[in-house]
Amino acid sequence: LSTNNINVAPTFSATRSRCGGNFGMLVDTSGSIGSTNMASVRTGITQFINAFAGTPIKLQVVRFSTTASTLGAGSNFSRYYDMLVDSDVADLKAQVATLSSTGSTNYEDAMVRMFMNNDGSTQETLPDT
């Protein structure tokens, strides 16, 4: 990141670094989002993934409506995708493409899934951001 021009903010892509970390993203997929807006949500998440593809970021995405689930985790609560692994990036994008808008809004369940295991204990790997 160039430090010789402090008059303007750097672009998002210019600020990418190799410092890495665990990122967690909560995504509202409740019925109030609606199918038209859900397309924009999917596009935004995909752009976020594209921005971090090839960096040492690990990303966990938890979607919530009436209940929450972690993308790609199956019955587990945790699944981080490694943005340095092309197959992880492709798998996460495929998971995002299936998101639809339905149900009520239960963000509390999303928070539990982001930080807890199935048995109620705290996850070993937690998001930094």
C-alpha atoms as a PDB file:
ATOM      1  CA  LEU A   1       0.000   0.000   0.000  1.00  0.00           C
ATOM      2  CA  SER A   2       1.571   3.226  -1.135  1.00  0.00           C
ATOM      3  CA  THR A   3       2.130   5.734   1.646  1.00  0.00           C
ATOM      4  CA  ASN A   4       3.233   8.620  -0.555  1.00  0.00           C
ATOM      5  CA  ASN A   5      -0.287   9.846  -1.360  1.00  0.00           C
ATOM      6  CA  ILE A   6      -2.310  10.516   1.774  1.00  0.00           C
ATOM      7  CA  ASN A   7      -4.772  12.876   0.058  1.00  0.00           C
ATOM      8  CA  VAL A   8      -7.133  10.160  -1.187  1.00  0.00           C
ATOM      9  CA  ALA A   9      -8.403   6.925   0.312  1.00  0.00           C
ATOM     10  CA  PRO A  10      -6.909   3.787  -1.226  1.00  0.00           C
ATOM     11  CA  THR A  11      -9.165   1.586  -3.323  1.00  0.00           C
ATOM     12  CA  PHE A  12     -10.523  -1.555  -1.717  1.00  0.00           C
ATOM     13  CA  SER A  13      -8.347  -3.807  -3.883  1.00  0.00           C
ATOM     14  CA  ALA A  14      -5.253  -1.709  -3.120  1.00  0.00           C
ATOM     15  CA  THR A  15      -5.668  -2.313   0.599  1.00  0.00           C
ATOM     16  CA  ARG A  16      -5.559  -6.099   0.314  1.00  0.00           C
ATOM     17  CA  SER A  17      -2.696  -7.517   2.299  1.00  0.00           C
ATOM     18  CA  ARG A  18      -1.187 -10.875   3.113  1.00  0.00           C
ATOM     19  CA  CYS A  19      -1.939 -10.553   6.826  1.00  0.00           C
ATOM     20  CA  GLY A  20      -4.982 -12.854   6.772  1.00  0.00           C
ATOM     21  CA  GLY A  21      -7.389 -13.807   9.496  1.00  0.00           C
ATOM     22  CA  ASN A  22     -10.762 -15.393  10.123  1.00  0.00           C
ATOM     23  CA  PHE A  23     -13.776 -13.482   8.855  1.00  0.00           C
ATOM     24  CA  GLY A  24     -17.385 -14.233   9.752  1.00  0.00           C
ATOM     25  CA  MET A  25     -20.341 -13.010   7.698  1.00  0.00           C
ATOM     26  CA  LEU A  26     -23.988 -13.136   8.782  1.00  0.00           C
ATOM     27  CA  VAL A  27     -26.510 -13.049   5.930  1.00  0.00           C
ATOM     28  CA  ASP A  28     -30.205 -12.315   6.386  1.00  0.00           C
ATOM     29  CA  THR A  29     -32.174 -14.649   4.107  1.00  0.00           C
ATOM     30  CA  SER A  30     -35.537 -14.077   5.772  1.00  0.00           C
ATOM     31  CA  GLY A  31     -38.708 -13.463   3.792  1.00  0.00           C
ATOM     32  CA  SER A  32     -38.512  -9.708   4.369  1.00  0.00           C
ATOM     33  CA  ILE A  33     -35.496  -9.553   2.027  1.00  0.00           C
ATOM     34  CA  GLY A  34     -37.613 -10.697  -0.932  1.00  0.00           C
ATOM     35  CA  SER A  35     -36.488 -12.525  -4.057  1.00  0.00           C
ATOM     36  CA  THR A  36     -35.487  -9.375  -5.978  1.00  0.00           C
ATOM     37  CA  ASN A  37     -33.305  -8.068  -3.161  1.00  0.00           C
ATOM     38  CA  MET A  38     -31.924 -11.559  -2.496  1.00  0.00           C
ATOM     39  CA  ALA A  39     -30.322 -11.469  -5.946  1.00  0.00           C
ATOM     40  CA  SER A  40     -28.475  -8.310  -4.878  1.00  0.00           C
ATOM     41  CA  VAL A  41     -27.437  -9.962  -1.612  1.00  0.00           C
ATOM     42  CA  ARG A  42     -26.004 -12.964  -3.509  1.00  0.00           C
ATOM     43  CA  THR A  43     -24.153 -10.609  -5.866  1.00  0.00           C
ATOM     44  CA  GLY A  44     -22.704  -8.629  -2.960  1.00  0.00           C
ATOM     45  CA  ILE A  45     -21.488 -11.751  -1.157  1.00  0.00           C
ATOM     46  CA  THR A  46     -19.935 -13.068  -4.367  1.00  0.00           C
ATOM     47  CA  GLN A  47     -18.123  -9.760  -4.890  1.00  0.00           C
ATOM     48  CA  PHE A  48     -16.845  -9.968  -1.305  1.00  0.00           C
ATOM     49  CA  ILE A  49     -15.567 -13.497  -1.969  1.00  0.00           C
ATOM     50  CA  ASN A  50     -13.919 -12.355  -5.217  1.00  0.00           C
ATOM     51  CA  ALA A  51     -12.186  -9.499  -3.389  1.00  0.00           C
ATOM     52  CA  PHE A  52     -10.601 -11.908  -0.913  1.00  0.00           C
ATOM     53  CA  ALA A  53      -9.919 -14.842  -3.249  1.00  0.00           C
ATOM     54  CA  GLY A  54      -6.177 -15.480  -3.314  1.00  0.00           C
ATOM     55  CA  THR A  55      -5.587 -13.947   0.123  1.00  0.00           C
ATOM     56  CA  PRO A  56      -4.975 -15.745   3.432  1.00  0.00           C
ATOM     57  CA  ILE A  57      -8.490 -15.010   4.647  1.00  0.00           C
ATOM     58  CA  LYS A  58     -10.691 -17.789   5.991  1.00  0.00           C
ATOM     59  CA  LEU A  59     -14.378 -16.990   5.636  1.00  0.00           C
ATOM     60  CA  GLN A  60     -17.381 -18.473   7.414  1.00  0.00           C
ATOM     61  CA  VAL A  61     -20.848 -17.504   6.154  1.00  0.00           C
ATOM     62  CA  VAL A  62     -23.894 -18.050   8.347  1.00  0.00           C
ATOM     63  CA  ARG A  63     -27.306 -17.473   6.763  1.00  0.00           C
ATOM     64  CA  PHE A  64     -30.363 -16.928   8.889  1.00  0.00           C
ATOM     65  CA  SER A  65     -34.121 -16.848   8.522  1.00  0.00           C
ATOM     66  CA  THR A  66     -36.388 -18.877  10.848  1.00  0.00           C
ATOM     67  CA  THR A  67     -33.273 -20.896  11.717  1.00  0.00           C
ATOM     68  CA  ALA A  68     -29.615 -20.387  10.856  1.00  0.00           C
ATOM     69  CA  SER A  69     -27.082 -22.580   9.092  1.00  0.00           C
ATOM     70  CA  THR A  70     -23.429 -22.265   8.226  1.00  0.00           C
ATOM     71  CA  LEU A  71     -22.794 -22.617   4.507  1.00  0.00           C
ATOM     72  CA  GLY A  72     -21.098 -25.928   3.740  1.00  0.00           C
ATOM     73  CA  ALA A  73     -21.092 -27.124   7.352  1.00  0.00           C
ATOM     74  CA  GLY A  74     -23.822 -29.750   7.112  1.00  0.00           C
ATOM     75  CA  SER A  75     -24.973 -30.559  10.652  1.00  0.00           C
ATOM     76  CA  ASN A  76     -21.907 -28.841  12.155  1.00  0.00           C
ATOM     77  CA  PHE A  77     -22.005 -25.206  13.224  1.00  0.00           C
ATOM     78  CA  SER A  78     -18.598 -24.216  11.835  1.00  0.00           C
ATOM     79  CA  ARG A  79     -17.050 -24.204   8.347  1.00  0.00           C
ATOM     80  CA  TYR A  80     -14.346 -21.767   7.297  1.00  0.00           C
ATOM     81  CA  TYR A  81     -13.471 -21.536   3.618  1.00  0.00           C
ATOM     82  CA  ASP A  82      -9.804 -20.856   2.840  1.00  0.00           C
ATOM     83  CA  MET A  83      -9.612 -18.073   0.249  1.00  0.00           C
ATOM     84  CA  LEU A  84      -6.180 -19.354  -0.853  1.00  0.00           C
ATOM     85  CA  VAL A  85      -7.730 -22.656  -1.979  1.00  0.00           C
ATOM     86  CA  ASP A  86      -9.453 -22.362  -5.370  1.00  0.00           C
ATOM     87  CA  SER A  87     -11.806 -25.276  -4.658  1.00  0.00           C
ATOM     88  CA  ASP A  88     -12.913 -23.631  -1.382  1.00  0.00           C
ATOM     89  CA  VAL A  89     -13.616 -20.367  -3.213  1.00  0.00           C
ATOM     90  CA  ALA A  90     -15.610 -22.194  -5.907  1.00  0.00           C
ATOM     91  CA  ASP A  91     -17.530 -24.248  -3.323  1.00  0.00           C
ATOM     92  CA  LEU A  92     -18.436 -21.158  -1.297  1.00  0.00           C
ATOM     93  CA  LYS A  93     -19.647 -19.337  -4.419  1.00  0.00           C
ATOM     94  CA  ALA A  94     -21.792 -22.368  -5.294  1.00  0.00           C
ATOM     95  CA  GLN A  95     -23.270 -22.316  -1.778  1.00  0.00           C
ATOM     96  CA  VAL A  96     -24.022 -18.586  -2.070  1.00  0.00           C
ATOM     97  CA  ALA A  97     -25.785 -19.134  -5.409  1.00  0.00           C
ATOM     98  CA  THR A  98     -28.383 -21.329  -3.627  1.00  0.00           C
ATOM     99  CA  LEU A  99     -29.431 -18.704  -1.055  1.00  0.00           C
ATOM    100  CA  SER A 100     -33.093 -17.757  -1.173  1.00  0.00           C
ATOM    101  CA  SER A 101     -35.390 -15.514   0.840  1.00  0.00           C
ATOM    102  CA  THR A 102     -37.941 -17.222   3.081  1.00  0.00           C
ATOM    103  CA  GLY A 103     -39.074 -17.467   6.688  1.00  0.00           C
ATOM    104  CA  SER A 104     -38.804 -15.271   9.766  1.00  0.00           C
ATOM    105  CA  THR A 105     -35.815 -13.347  11.134  1.00  0.00           C
ATOM    106  CA  ASN A 106     -33.831 -15.237  13.790  1.00  0.00           C
ATOM    107  CA  TYR A 107     -30.454 -13.485  13.991  1.00  0.00           C
ATOM    108  CA  GLU A 108     -29.908 -14.900  17.484  1.00  0.00           C
ATOM    109  CA  ASP A 109     -29.509 -18.408  16.019  1.00  0.00           C
ATOM    110  CA  ALA A 110     -26.964 -16.994  13.542  1.00  0.00           C
ATOM    111  CA  MET A 111     -24.886 -15.547  16.382  1.00  0.00           C
ATOM    112  CA  VAL A 112     -24.935 -18.884  18.195  1.00  0.00           C
ATOM    113  CA  ARG A 113     -23.784 -20.692  15.064  1.00  0.00           C
ATOM    114  CA  MET A 114     -21.005 -18.169  14.448  1.00  0.00           C
ATOM    115  CA  PHE A 115     -19.451 -18.642  17.895  1.00  0.00           C
ATOM    116  CA  MET A 116     -20.643 -21.964  19.354  1.00  0.00           C
ATOM    117  CA  ASN A 117     -20.372 -25.689  18.585  1.00  0.00           C
ATOM    118  CA  ASN A 118     -23.296 -28.110  18.334  1.00  0.00           C
ATOM    119  CA  ASP A 119     -22.796 -29.073  22.002  1.00  0.00           C
ATOM    120  CA  GLY A 120     -22.914 -25.460  23.254  1.00  0.00           C
ATOM    121  CA  SER A 121     -19.167 -25.090  23.788  1.00  0.00           C
ATOM    122  CA  THR A 122     -17.261 -22.187  22.226  1.00  0.00           C
ATOM    123  CA  GLN A 123     -15.729 -22.898  18.820  1.00  0.00           C
ATOM    124  CA  GLU A 124     -11.979 -23.393  18.750  1.00  0.00           C
ATOM    125  CA  THR A 125     -11.699 -21.084  15.728  1.00  0.00           C
ATOM    126  CA  LEU A 126     -13.475 -17.748  16.070  1.00  0.00           C
ATOM    127  CA  PRO A 127     -13.770 -14.899  13.573  1.00  0.00           C
ATOM    128  CA  ASP A 128     -11.364 -11.986  14.015  1.00  0.00           C
ATOM    129  CA  THR A 129     -13.615  -9.777  11.897  1.00  0.00           C
END
